[in-house]
C-alpha atoms as a PDB file:
ATOM      1  CA  MET A   1      -0.130  -0.338  -0.032  1.00  0.00           C
ATOM      2  CA  LYS A   2       2.716   2.461   0.811  1.00  0.00           C
ATOM      3  CA  LYS A   3       4.528   1.490  -2.309  1.00  0.00           C
ATOM      4  CA  LEU A   4       1.033   2.650  -4.380  1.00  0.00           C
ATOM      5  CA  ASN A   5       1.123   5.469  -2.120  1.00  0.00           C
ATOM      6  CA  THR A   6       4.446   6.520  -3.330  1.00  0.00           C
ATOM      7  CA  VAL A   7       3.538   5.809  -7.040  1.00  0.00           C
ATOM      8  CA  PHE A   8       0.216   7.840  -7.086  1.00  0.00           C
ATOM      9  CA  SER A   9       2.010  10.695  -5.461  1.00  0.00           C
ATOM     10  CA  ILE A  10       4.515  10.671  -8.135  1.00  0.00           C
ATOM     11  CA  VAL A  11       2.232  10.161 -10.870  1.00  0.00           C
ATOM     12  CA  ALA A  12      -0.110  13.436  -9.341  1.00  0.00           C
ATOM     13  CA  PHE A  13       2.996  15.582  -9.085  1.00  0.00           C
ATOM     14  CA  GLY A  14       4.123  14.706 -12.638  1.00  0.00           C
ATOM     15  CA  MET A  15       0.469  15.407 -13.924  1.00  0.00           C
ATOM     16  CA  MET A  16       0.512  18.588 -11.934  1.00  0.00           C
ATOM     17  CA  PHE A  17       3.815  19.461 -13.245  1.00  0.00           C
ATOM     18  CA  VAL A  18       2.943  18.985 -17.014  1.00  0.00           C
ATOM     19  CA  SER A  19      -0.574  20.968 -16.605  1.00  0.00           C
ATOM     20  CA  CYS A  20       1.323  23.997 -15.042  1.00  0.00           C
ATOM     21  CA  LYS A  21       3.476  23.998 -18.136  1.00  0.00           C
ATOM     22  CA  ASN A  22       0.834  23.947 -20.150  1.00  0.00           C
ATOM     23  CA  ASN A  23      -1.284  26.503 -17.715  1.00  0.00           C
ATOM     24  CA  LYS A  24      -3.933  28.374 -19.943  1.00  0.00           C
ATOM     25  CA  PHE A  25      -3.820  31.087 -17.487  1.00  0.00           C
ATOM     26  CA  MET A  26       0.031  32.067 -18.506  1.00  0.00           C
ATOM     27  CA  ILE A  27       0.228  35.548 -20.133  1.00  0.00           C
ATOM     28  CA  PRO A  28       1.326  34.666 -23.956  1.00  0.00           C
ATOM     29  CA  GLU A  29       3.087  37.257 -25.929  1.00  0.00           C
ATOM     30  CA  ILE A  30       0.136  39.053 -26.992  1.00  0.00           C
ATOM     31  CA  SER A  31      -0.968  40.589 -30.131  1.00  0.00           C
ATOM     32  CA  LEU A  32      -2.990  44.027 -29.050  1.00  0.00           C
ATOM     33  CA  THR A  33      -5.693  45.522 -31.480  1.00  0.00           C
ATOM     34  CA  ASP A  34      -7.189  48.767 -31.910  1.00  0.00           C
ATOM     35  CA  LYS A  35     -10.544  47.282 -30.556  1.00  0.00           C
ATOM     36  CA  GLN A  36      -8.974  45.822 -27.324  1.00  0.00           C
ATOM     37  CA  LEU A  37      -7.503  49.294 -26.552  1.00  0.00           C
ATOM     38  CA  PHE A  38     -10.858  51.078 -27.320  1.00  0.00           C
ATOM     39  CA  ASP A  39     -12.588  48.632 -25.082  1.00  0.00           C
ATOM     40  CA  SER A  40      -9.930  49.499 -22.389  1.00  0.00           C
ATOM     41  CA  CYS A  41     -10.435  53.147 -22.981  1.00  0.00           C
ATOM     42  CA  SER A  42     -14.078  53.377 -22.799  1.00  0.00           C
ATOM     43  CA  ASN A  43     -13.920  51.523 -19.157  1.00  0.00           C
ATOM     44  CA  ALA A  44     -14.722  54.295 -17.326  1.00  0.00           C
ATOM     45  CA  ALA A  45     -14.753  52.003 -14.099  1.00  0.00           C
ATOM     46  CA  ASN A  46     -10.947  51.139 -14.721  1.00  0.00           C
ATOM     47  CA  LEU A  47      -9.591  54.651 -15.392  1.00  0.00           C
ATOM     48  CA  ILE A  48      -8.672  57.413 -13.057  1.00  0.00           C
ATOM     49  CA  TYR A  49      -9.276  60.734 -13.853  1.00  0.00           C
ATOM     50  CA  TYR A  50      -6.339  63.487 -13.867  1.00  0.00           C
ATOM     51  CA  LYS A  51      -5.833  64.806 -10.051  1.00  0.00           C
ATOM     52  CA  ASN A  52      -8.770  62.894  -9.685  1.00  0.00           C
ATOM     53  CA  ASN A  53     -11.287  65.450 -11.126  1.00  0.00           C
ATOM     54  CA  SER A  54     -13.757  63.968 -13.452  1.00  0.00           C
ATOM     55  CA  SER A  55     -15.593  67.209 -14.201  1.00  0.00           C
ATOM     56  CA  THR A  56     -12.093  68.937 -14.906  1.00  0.00           C
ATOM     57  CA  ILE A  57     -12.203  69.952 -18.981  1.00  0.00           C
ATOM     58  CA  TYR A  58      -8.775  70.604 -20.088  1.00  0.00           C
ATOM     59  CA  SER A  59      -8.831  73.606 -22.871  1.00  0.00           C
ATOM     60  CA  GLY A  60      -6.551  71.774 -25.210  1.00  0.00           C
ATOM     61  CA  ALA A  61      -5.213  74.935 -26.525  1.00  0.00           C
ATOM     62  CA  ASN A  62      -1.279  73.509 -26.574  1.00  0.00           C
ATOM     63  CA  GLY A  63      -2.256  70.352 -29.034  1.00  0.00           C
ATOM     64  CA  PRO A  64      -4.467  69.313 -32.014  1.00  0.00           C
ATOM     65  CA  HIS A  65      -6.785  67.334 -29.600  1.00  0.00           C
ATOM     66  CA  GLY A  66      -9.103  70.297 -28.388  1.00  0.00           C
ATOM     67  CA  GLN A  67     -10.921  70.071 -24.979  1.00  0.00           C
ATOM     68  CA  PHE A  68     -10.362  67.157 -23.199  1.00  0.00           C
ATOM     69  CA  LYS A  69     -10.542  64.733 -20.217  1.00  0.00           C
ATOM     70  CA  LEU A  70      -7.536  63.415 -19.355  1.00  0.00           C
ATOM     71  CA  LYS A  71      -7.659  59.894 -17.575  1.00  0.00           C
ATOM     72  CA  PHE A  72      -4.926  56.786 -16.579  1.00  0.00           C
ATOM     73  CA  ASN A  73      -5.243  53.061 -15.784  1.00  0.00           C
ATOM     74  CA  LYS A  74      -4.073  52.021 -12.383  1.00  0.00           C
ATOM     75  CA  ILE A  75      -0.738  51.010 -13.567  1.00  0.00           C
ATOM     76  CA  ALA A  76      -0.024  55.005 -15.025  1.00  0.00           C
ATOM     77  CA  SER A  77      -1.675  56.432 -12.283  1.00  0.00           C
ATOM     78  CA  LEU A  78       1.046  54.660  -9.531  1.00  0.00           C
ATOM     79  CA  ALA A  79       3.383  55.995 -11.617  1.00  0.00           C
ATOM     80  CA  LEU A  80       2.425  60.047 -10.897  1.00  0.00           C
ATOM     81  CA  THR A  81       3.539  61.659  -7.756  1.00  0.00           C
ATOM     82  CA  ASP A  82       0.955  63.704  -5.273  1.00  0.00           C
ATOM     83  CA  ASN A  83       0.505  66.476  -7.530  1.00  0.00           C
ATOM     84  CA  GLY A  84      -0.545  63.988 -10.496  1.00  0.00           C
ATOM     85  CA  LYS A  85       2.718  64.062 -12.463  1.00  0.00           C
ATOM     86  CA  LEU A  86       5.199  61.967 -13.624  1.00  0.00           C
ATOM     87  CA  PRO A  87       8.680  62.691 -11.969  1.00  0.00           C
ATOM     88  CA  VAL A  88      10.740  64.408 -14.305  1.00  0.00           C
ATOM     89  CA  GLY A  89      13.394  61.357 -15.578  1.00  0.00           C
ATOM     90  CA  GLN A  90      10.889  58.843 -15.003  1.00  0.00           C
ATOM     91  CA  THR A  91       8.914  56.992 -17.512  1.00  0.00           C
ATOM     92  CA  PHE A  92       5.619  55.060 -17.174  1.00  0.00           C
ATOM     93  CA  PRO A  93       5.773  51.133 -16.777  1.00  0.00           C
ATOM     94  CA  ASP A  94       4.680  49.006 -19.506  1.00  0.00           C
ATOM     95  CA  GLY A  95       0.800  48.289 -19.422  1.00  0.00           C
ATOM     96  CA  SER A  96       0.150  52.053 -18.649  1.00  0.00           C
ATOM     97  CA  LEU A  97      -2.759  53.313 -20.402  1.00  0.00           C
ATOM     98  CA  ILE A  98      -3.592  56.877 -20.975  1.00  0.00           C
ATOM     99  CA  VAL A  99      -6.671  58.325 -22.194  1.00  0.00           C
ATOM    100  CA  LYS A 100      -7.324  61.640 -24.395  1.00  0.00           C
ATOM    101  CA  GLU A 101     -11.574  61.829 -23.994  1.00  0.00           C
ATOM    102  CA  ILE A 102     -12.027  64.649 -26.495  1.00  0.00           C
ATOM    103  CA  GLN A 103     -14.914  66.648 -25.581  1.00  0.00           C
ATOM    104  CA  PRO A 104     -17.894  67.135 -26.728  1.00  0.00           C
ATOM    105  CA  ALA A 105     -17.190  64.596 -29.650  1.00  0.00           C
ATOM    106  CA  GLY A 106     -16.130  61.840 -27.227  1.00  0.00           C
ATOM    107  CA  ILE A 107     -13.429  60.688 -29.254  1.00  0.00           C
ATOM    108  CA  PHE A 108     -10.448  58.905 -27.357  1.00  0.00           C
ATOM    109  CA  ALA A 109      -6.727  59.278 -28.435  1.00  0.00           C
ATOM    110  CA  PHE A 110      -4.461  57.014 -26.229  1.00  0.00           C
ATOM    111  CA  MET A 111      -1.092  56.175 -25.567  1.00  0.00           C
ATOM    112  CA  TYR A 112      -0.491  52.096 -24.147  1.00  0.00           C
ATOM    113  CA  LYS A 113       2.931  51.529 -23.157  1.00  0.00           C
ATOM    114  CA  PHE A 114       3.823  48.110 -24.487  1.00  0.00           C
ATOM    115  CA  LYS A 115       7.440  46.525 -24.334  1.00  0.00           C
ATOM    116  CA  LYS A 116       8.762  50.003 -23.162  1.00  0.00           C
ATOM    117  CA  SER A 117       7.232  51.609 -26.352  1.00  0.00           C
ATOM    118  CA  TRP A 118       4.040  53.671 -26.941  1.00  0.00           C
ATOM    119  CA  LEU A 119       1.191  52.559 -28.955  1.00  0.00           C
ATOM    120  CA  TRP A 120      -0.795  55.512 -30.112  1.00  0.00           C
ATOM    121  CA  GLY A 121      -4.528  55.238 -31.308  1.00  0.00           C
ATOM    122  CA  GLU A 122      -7.615  57.149 -31.719  1.00  0.00           C
ATOM    123  CA  ALA A 123     -11.075  55.835 -31.964  1.00  0.00           C
ATOM    124  CA  GLU A 124     -14.650  57.247 -32.241  1.00  0.00           C
ATOM    125  CA  ALA A 125     -16.968  57.141 -29.586  1.00  0.00           C
ATOM    126  CA  ASN A 126     -18.748  53.990 -31.165  1.00  0.00           C
ATOM    127  CA  GLY A 127     -15.331  52.219 -31.508  1.00  0.00           C
ATOM    128  CA  SER A 128     -14.323  53.050 -35.249  1.00  0.00           C
ATOM    129  CA  THR A 129     -10.569  53.312 -35.673  1.00  0.00           C
ATOM    130  CA  ILE A 130      -9.654  56.848 -36.695  1.00  0.00           C
ATOM    131  CA  PHE A 131      -6.012  56.199 -36.176  1.00  0.00           C
ATOM    132  CA  SER A 132      -4.663  52.653 -35.856  1.00  0.00           C
ATOM    133  CA  ILE A 133      -2.004  51.476 -33.281  1.00  0.00           C
ATOM    134  CA  ASP A 134      -0.606  49.778 -36.481  1.00  0.00           C
ATOM    135  CA  SER A 135       0.161  53.044 -38.169  1.00  0.00           C
ATOM    136  CA  ASP A 136       3.586  55.056 -37.626  1.00  0.00           C
ATOM    137  CA  PRO A 137       2.958  57.440 -35.135  1.00  0.00           C
ATOM    138  CA  THR A 138       5.791  59.601 -36.582  1.00  0.00           C
ATOM    139  CA  SER A 139       3.333  61.468 -38.578  1.00  0.00           C
ATOM    140  CA  LYS A 140       0.876  62.352 -36.117  1.00  0.00           C
ATOM    141  CA  CYS A 141       2.161  61.705 -32.661  1.00  0.00           C
ATOM    142  CA  ILE A 142       5.721  61.896 -31.737  1.00  0.00           C
ATOM    143  CA  ASN A 143       6.610  65.377 -33.307  1.00  0.00           C
ATOM    144  CA  CYS A 144       4.098  66.824 -30.998  1.00  0.00           C
ATOM    145  CA  HIS A 145       4.835  64.934 -27.979  1.00  0.00           C
ATOM    146  CA  SER A 146       8.722  65.151 -28.230  1.00  0.00           C
ATOM    147  CA  GLN A 147       8.519  68.835 -27.368  1.00  0.00           C
ATOM    148  CA  SER A 148      10.424  70.592 -24.884  1.00  0.00           C
ATOM    149  CA  GLY A 149       9.682  69.412 -21.135  1.00  0.00           C
ATOM    150  CA  GLU A 150       7.712  66.140 -22.361  1.00  0.00           C
ATOM    151  CA  ARG A 151       7.903  63.465 -19.335  1.00  0.00           C
ATOM    152  CA  ASP A 152       7.994  60.199 -21.060  1.00  0.00           C
ATOM    153  CA  LEU A 153       6.511  61.425 -24.451  1.00  0.00           C
ATOM    154  CA  VAL A 154       3.352  62.826 -22.218  1.00  0.00           C
ATOM    155  CA  VAL A 155       3.050  66.603 -22.459  1.00  0.00           C
ATOM    156  CA  SER A 156      -0.063  67.683 -20.600  1.00  0.00           C
ATOM    157  CA  PHE A 157       2.219  68.003 -17.640  1.00  0.00           C
ATOM    158  CA  ASN A 158       3.555  71.273 -18.996  1.00  0.00           C
ATOM    159  CA  PHE A 159       0.270  72.823 -19.325  1.00  0.00           C
ATOM    160  CA  TYR A 160      -2.231  71.440 -16.485  1.00  0.00           C
END
């Protein structure tokens, strides 16, 4: 009986080891889509307003987007200081999502940090893609976001 218990334990451990290696809950290298990031941008429950103020609409006078509300996901918000800004010289961690909800159109302009680079996108309120994350951001995004004083290519901290 003792020998049978030992064999059973070895088999059970082996099965557990194999099943852990094939665990469907492990995060694979993911391929992100515009739709997935739009869904994240439009999920208000998972976003935190800039300086925790949901009523503030920023003028947008210093950029191409127009008036906007600014939001961060939890990962991005944890990188901010008590005054709501990213410290000079720091970068946002992978998984950070920054969303400008353009007012009153409800268009989402967003940046998502993936593998230490930003993915840039814009979507209509209905989810239709305006600027795909697969597009080259140098033509529309990076030139403006590289201006003096930017913090990890975020310029809103300069003005608000």
